[in-house]
C-alpha atoms as a PDB file:
ATOM      1  CA  MET A   1      80.533 138.831 131.322  1.00  0.00           C
ATOM      2  CA  TYR A   2      79.574 140.040 127.833  1.00  0.00           C
ATOM      3  CA  GLY A   3      77.444 142.894 129.157  1.00  0.00           C
ATOM      4  CA  ILE A   4      80.170 144.103 131.512  1.00  0.00           C
ATOM      5  CA  ALA A   5      82.825 143.955 128.766  1.00  0.00           C
ATOM      6  CA  LEU A   6      80.568 145.855 126.361  1.00  0.00           C
ATOM      7  CA  LEU A   7      79.714 148.490 128.971  1.00  0.00           C
ATOM      8  CA  LEU A   8      83.385 149.037 129.852  1.00  0.00           C
ATOM      9  CA  HIS A   9      84.260 149.175 126.153  1.00  0.00           C
ATOM     10  CA  VAL A  10      81.649 151.860 125.452  1.00  0.00           C
ATOM     11  CA  LEU A  11      82.550 153.902 128.546  1.00  0.00           C
ATOM     12  CA  ALA A  12      86.231 153.799 127.625  1.00  0.00           C
ATOM     13  CA  ALA A  13      85.394 154.798 124.043  1.00  0.00           C
ATOM     14  CA  THR A  14      83.435 157.740 125.422  1.00  0.00           C
ATOM     15  CA  VAL A  15      86.447 158.938 127.398  1.00  0.00           C
ATOM     16  CA  TRP A  16      88.895 158.348 124.535  1.00  0.00           C
ATOM     17  CA  THR A  17      86.828 159.891 121.749  1.00  0.00           C
ATOM     18  CA  GLY A  18      85.397 162.679 123.896  1.00  0.00           C
ATOM     19  CA  GLY A  19      88.879 163.681 125.007  1.00  0.00           C
ATOM     20  CA  HIS A  20      90.073 163.820 121.417  1.00  0.00           C
ATOM     21  CA  ILE A  21      87.096 165.893 120.334  1.00  0.00           C
ATOM     22  CA  VAL A  22      87.771 168.385 123.151  1.00  0.00           C
ATOM     23  CA  LEU A  23      91.441 168.410 122.181  1.00  0.00           C
ATOM     24  CA  SER A  24      90.641 169.113 118.519  1.00  0.00           C
ATOM     25  CA  LEU A  25      87.820 171.603 118.926  1.00  0.00           C
ATOM     26  CA  VAL A  26      88.787 173.466 122.101  1.00  0.00           C
ATOM     27  CA  VAL A  27      92.430 172.973 123.067  1.00  0.00           C
ATOM     28  CA  LEU A  28      94.131 172.851 119.656  1.00  0.00           C
ATOM     29  CA  PRO A  29      92.558 176.087 118.357  1.00  0.00           C
ATOM     30  CA  ARG A  30      93.674 177.863 121.537  1.00  0.00           C
ATOM     31  CA  VAL A  31      97.189 176.419 121.241  1.00  0.00           C
ATOM     32  CA  LEU A  32      97.445 177.578 117.629  1.00  0.00           C
ATOM     33  CA  ARG A  33      95.879 180.989 118.312  1.00  0.00           C
ATOM     34  CA  GLU A  34      98.090 181.746 121.317  1.00  0.00           C
ATOM     35  CA  ARG A  35     101.128 179.921 119.875  1.00  0.00           C
ATOM     36  CA  ASP A  36     101.532 178.365 123.338  1.00  0.00           C
ATOM     37  CA  PRO A  37     102.546 174.691 123.498  1.00  0.00           C
ATOM     38  CA  GLN A  38     102.135 174.745 127.303  1.00  0.00           C
ATOM     39  CA  VAL A  39      98.362 174.801 126.866  1.00  0.00           C
ATOM     40  CA  LEU A  40      98.559 171.456 125.086  1.00  0.00           C
ATOM     41  CA  LEU A  41     101.079 169.998 127.508  1.00  0.00           C
ATOM     42  CA  ARG A  42      98.828 170.853 130.467  1.00  0.00           C
ATOM     43  CA  PHE A  43      95.842 169.230 128.766  1.00  0.00           C
ATOM     44  CA  GLU A  44      97.903 166.168 127.838  1.00  0.00           C
ATOM     45  CA  SER A  45      99.224 165.643 131.361  1.00  0.00           C
ATOM     46  CA  GLY A  46      95.690 165.677 132.784  1.00  0.00           C
ATOM     47  CA  TYR A  47      94.023 163.743 129.980  1.00  0.00           C
ATOM     48  CA  GLU A  48      96.649 160.989 129.903  1.00  0.00           C
ATOM     49  CA  ARG A  49      95.623 159.934 133.418  1.00  0.00           C
ATOM     50  CA  ILE A  50      92.227 158.868 132.133  1.00  0.00           C
ATOM     51  CA  GLY A  51      92.806 158.622 128.367  1.00  0.00           C
ATOM     52  CA  ILE A  52      95.524 155.968 128.402  1.00  0.00           C
ATOM     53  CA  PRO A  53      93.664 153.684 130.861  1.00  0.00           C
ATOM     54  CA  ALA A  54      90.549 154.160 128.702  1.00  0.00           C
ATOM     55  CA  LEU A  55      92.490 153.062 125.626  1.00  0.00           C
ATOM     56  CA  VAL A  56      93.866 150.025 127.477  1.00  0.00           C
ATOM     57  CA  ILE A  57      90.340 149.109 128.605  1.00  0.00           C
ATOM     58  CA  GLN A  58      89.125 149.460 125.017  1.00  0.00           C
ATOM     59  CA  VAL A  59      91.859 147.177 123.717  1.00  0.00           C
ATOM     60  CA  VAL A  60      91.336 144.492 126.367  1.00  0.00           C
ATOM     61  CA  THR A  61      87.534 144.524 126.166  1.00  0.00           C
ATOM     62  CA  GLY A  62      87.643 144.788 122.376  1.00  0.00           C
ATOM     63  CA  LEU A  63      89.783 141.670 122.156  1.00  0.00           C
ATOM     64  CA  LEU A  64      87.418 139.849 124.545  1.00  0.00           C
ATOM     65  CA  LEU A  65      84.385 140.925 122.532  1.00  0.00           C
ATOM     66  CA  ALA A  66      86.005 139.928 119.232  1.00  0.00           C
ATOM     67  CA  HIS A  67      86.898 136.540 120.654  1.00  0.00           C
ATOM     68  CA  ARG A  68      83.322 136.075 121.875  1.00  0.00           C
ATOM     69  CA  MET A  69      81.880 136.987 118.463  1.00  0.00           C
ATOM     70  CA  LEU A  70      84.329 135.158 116.221  1.00  0.00           C
ATOM     71  CA  GLY A  71      86.320 132.685 118.273  1.00  0.00           C
ATOM     72  CA  SER A  72      89.929 132.244 117.258  1.00  0.00           C
ATOM     73  CA  GLU A  73      92.060 135.167 116.156  1.00  0.00           C
ATOM     74  CA  GLY A  74      92.440 133.622 112.709  1.00  0.00           C
ATOM     75  CA  ALA A  75      88.781 134.375 112.006  1.00  0.00           C
ATOM     76  CA  TRP A  76      89.262 138.071 112.793  1.00  0.00           C
ATOM     77  CA  PHE A  77      90.809 138.781 109.396  1.00  0.00           C
ATOM     78  CA  ASP A  78      88.334 136.997 107.110  1.00  0.00           C
ATOM     79  CA  TRP A  79      87.199 139.914 104.976  1.00  0.00           C
ATOM     80  CA  SER A  80      84.468 137.795 103.376  1.00  0.00           C
ATOM     81  CA  ASP A  81      82.591 137.795 106.708  1.00  0.00           C
ATOM     82  CA  PRO A  82      81.029 141.161 107.672  1.00  0.00           C
ATOM     83  CA  VAL A  83      81.702 140.793 111.410  1.00  0.00           C
ATOM     84  CA  SER A  84      85.320 139.738 110.788  1.00  0.00           C
ATOM     85  CA  ARG A  85      85.773 142.649 108.391  1.00  0.00           C
ATOM     86  CA  THR A  86      84.476 145.040 111.055  1.00  0.00           C
ATOM     87  CA  VAL A  87      86.855 143.609 113.670  1.00  0.00           C
ATOM     88  CA  SER A  88      89.705 143.905 111.161  1.00  0.00           C
ATOM     89  CA  ILE A  89      88.899 147.558 110.534  1.00  0.00           C
ATOM     90  CA  LYS A  90      88.927 148.260 114.279  1.00  0.00           C
ATOM     91  CA  LEU A  91      92.344 146.557 114.546  1.00  0.00           C
ATOM     92  CA  ILE A  92      93.659 148.646 111.633  1.00  0.00           C
ATOM     93  CA  LEU A  93      92.401 151.788 113.391  1.00  0.00           C
ATOM     94  CA  LEU A  94      94.168 150.602 116.558  1.00  0.00           C
ATOM     95  CA  ALA A  95      97.429 150.226 114.623  1.00  0.00           C
ATOM     96  CA  ALA A  96      97.013 153.753 113.225  1.00  0.00           C
ATOM     97  CA  THR A  97      96.358 155.089 116.737  1.00  0.00           C
ATOM     98  CA  ALA A  98      99.479 153.354 118.018  1.00  0.00           C
ATOM     99  CA  ALA A  99     101.583 154.784 115.181  1.00  0.00           C
ATOM    100  CA  PHE A 100     100.374 158.333 115.864  1.00  0.00           C
ATOM    101  CA  ALA A 101     100.874 157.898 119.606  1.00  0.00           C
ATOM    102  CA  VAL A 102     104.430 156.582 119.308  1.00  0.00           C
ATOM    103  CA  ASP A 103     105.397 159.333 116.869  1.00  0.00           C
ATOM    104  CA  ALA A 104     103.843 162.045 119.026  1.00  0.00           C
ATOM    105  CA  ARG A 105     105.252 160.719 122.300  1.00  0.00           C
ATOM    106  CA  PHE A 106     108.829 160.159 121.144  1.00  0.00           C
ATOM    107  CA  ARG A 107     109.305 162.668 118.323  1.00  0.00           C
ATOM    108  CA  LEU A 108     106.859 165.540 118.519  1.00  0.00           C
ATOM    109  CA  ILE A 109     105.977 166.224 122.167  1.00  0.00           C
ATOM    110  CA  PRO A 110     109.553 166.158 123.522  1.00  0.00           C
ATOM    111  CA  ARG A 111     110.473 168.841 120.959  1.00  0.00           C
ATOM    112  CA  LEU A 112     107.202 170.775 121.079  1.00  0.00           C
ATOM    113  CA  SER A 113     107.688 174.488 120.519  1.00  0.00           C
ATOM    114  CA  GLU A 114     106.014 177.446 118.867  1.00  0.00           C
ATOM    115  CA  GLU A 115     107.756 176.512 115.611  1.00  0.00           C
ATOM    116  CA  ASN A 116     106.295 173.028 115.233  1.00  0.00           C
ATOM    117  CA  LEU A 117     102.711 173.565 116.390  1.00  0.00           C
ATOM    118  CA  GLY A 118     101.528 172.903 112.823  1.00  0.00           C
ATOM    119  CA  ALA A 119     102.968 169.399 113.030  1.00  0.00           C
ATOM    120  CA  LEU A 120     101.014 168.953 116.223  1.00  0.00           C
ATOM    121  CA  ALA A 121      97.776 169.785 114.414  1.00  0.00           C
ATOM    122  CA  TRP A 122      98.632 167.162 111.786  1.00  0.00           C
ATOM    123  CA  HIS A 123      98.683 164.619 114.615  1.00  0.00           C
ATOM    124  CA  VAL A 124      95.702 165.777 116.636  1.00  0.00           C
ATOM    125  CA  VAL A 125      93.157 166.081 113.837  1.00  0.00           C
ATOM    126  CA  PRO A 126      93.775 162.674 112.183  1.00  0.00           C
ATOM    127  CA  ASP A 127      93.939 160.974 115.579  1.00  0.00           C
ATOM    128  CA  THR A 128      90.578 162.525 116.469  1.00  0.00           C
ATOM    129  CA  LEU A 129      89.098 161.373 113.180  1.00  0.00           C
ATOM    130  CA  ILE A 130      90.439 157.879 113.867  1.00  0.00           C
ATOM    131  CA  SER A 131      88.815 157.893 117.304  1.00  0.00           C
ATOM    132  CA  ILE A 132      85.497 158.944 115.733  1.00  0.00           C
ATOM    133  CA  ALA A 133      85.945 156.161 113.166  1.00  0.00           C
ATOM    134  CA  TYR A 134      86.296 153.710 116.073  1.00  0.00           C
ATOM    135  CA  VAL A 135      82.847 154.761 117.264  1.00  0.00           C
ATOM    136  CA  PHE A 136      81.370 154.564 113.759  1.00  0.00           C
ATOM    137  CA  VAL A 137      82.797 151.086 113.210  1.00  0.00           C
ATOM    138  CA  GLY A 138      81.703 149.967 116.674  1.00  0.00           C
ATOM    139  CA  VAL A 139      78.147 151.155 116.062  1.00  0.00           C
ATOM    140  CA  SER A 140      78.165 149.332 112.724  1.00  0.00           C
ATOM    141  CA  PHE A 141      78.240 146.027 114.620  1.00  0.00           C
ATOM    142  CA  ARG A 142      74.578 146.786 115.392  1.00  0.00           C
ATOM    143  CA  THR A 143      73.565 148.876 112.380  1.00  0.00           C
ATOM    144  CA  GLY A 144      75.336 146.917 109.647  1.00  0.00           C
ATOM    145  CA  TRP A 145      76.663 150.105 108.024  1.00  0.00           C
ATOM    146  CA  LEU A 146      79.845 148.311 106.970  1.00  0.00           C
ATOM    147  CA  TYR A 147      78.106 145.155 105.779  1.00  0.00           C
END
């Protein structure tokens, strides 16, 4: 079970982070250059079909993996333990992702226009950096970079 959960977690992280890197480095520059929000909306509608399920898979498998490593949820926030601290950081990154997603979905995207494309960039770039931080923190379970 552990191996399957870890494999699904890594595959989902690949989809999530890879999609955000493409969004930041390919789609966003084109949107800003052409001042065309439709470019982003087309990307979003296609990416959401695989990106959101990937995020859900990451959350579910991440919770399973954390439970396997640390047991009860109370141990997940013990900053004196390196593994618990790493799990805590991933949960903080998840909360940041959720905050950006809710704000973008309910405030920014419904009102997306040529005038507020700069606000879009202020969502896309930090969210991409957060997704890269997920990978860094996840790798640190094996490398000990955060210990």
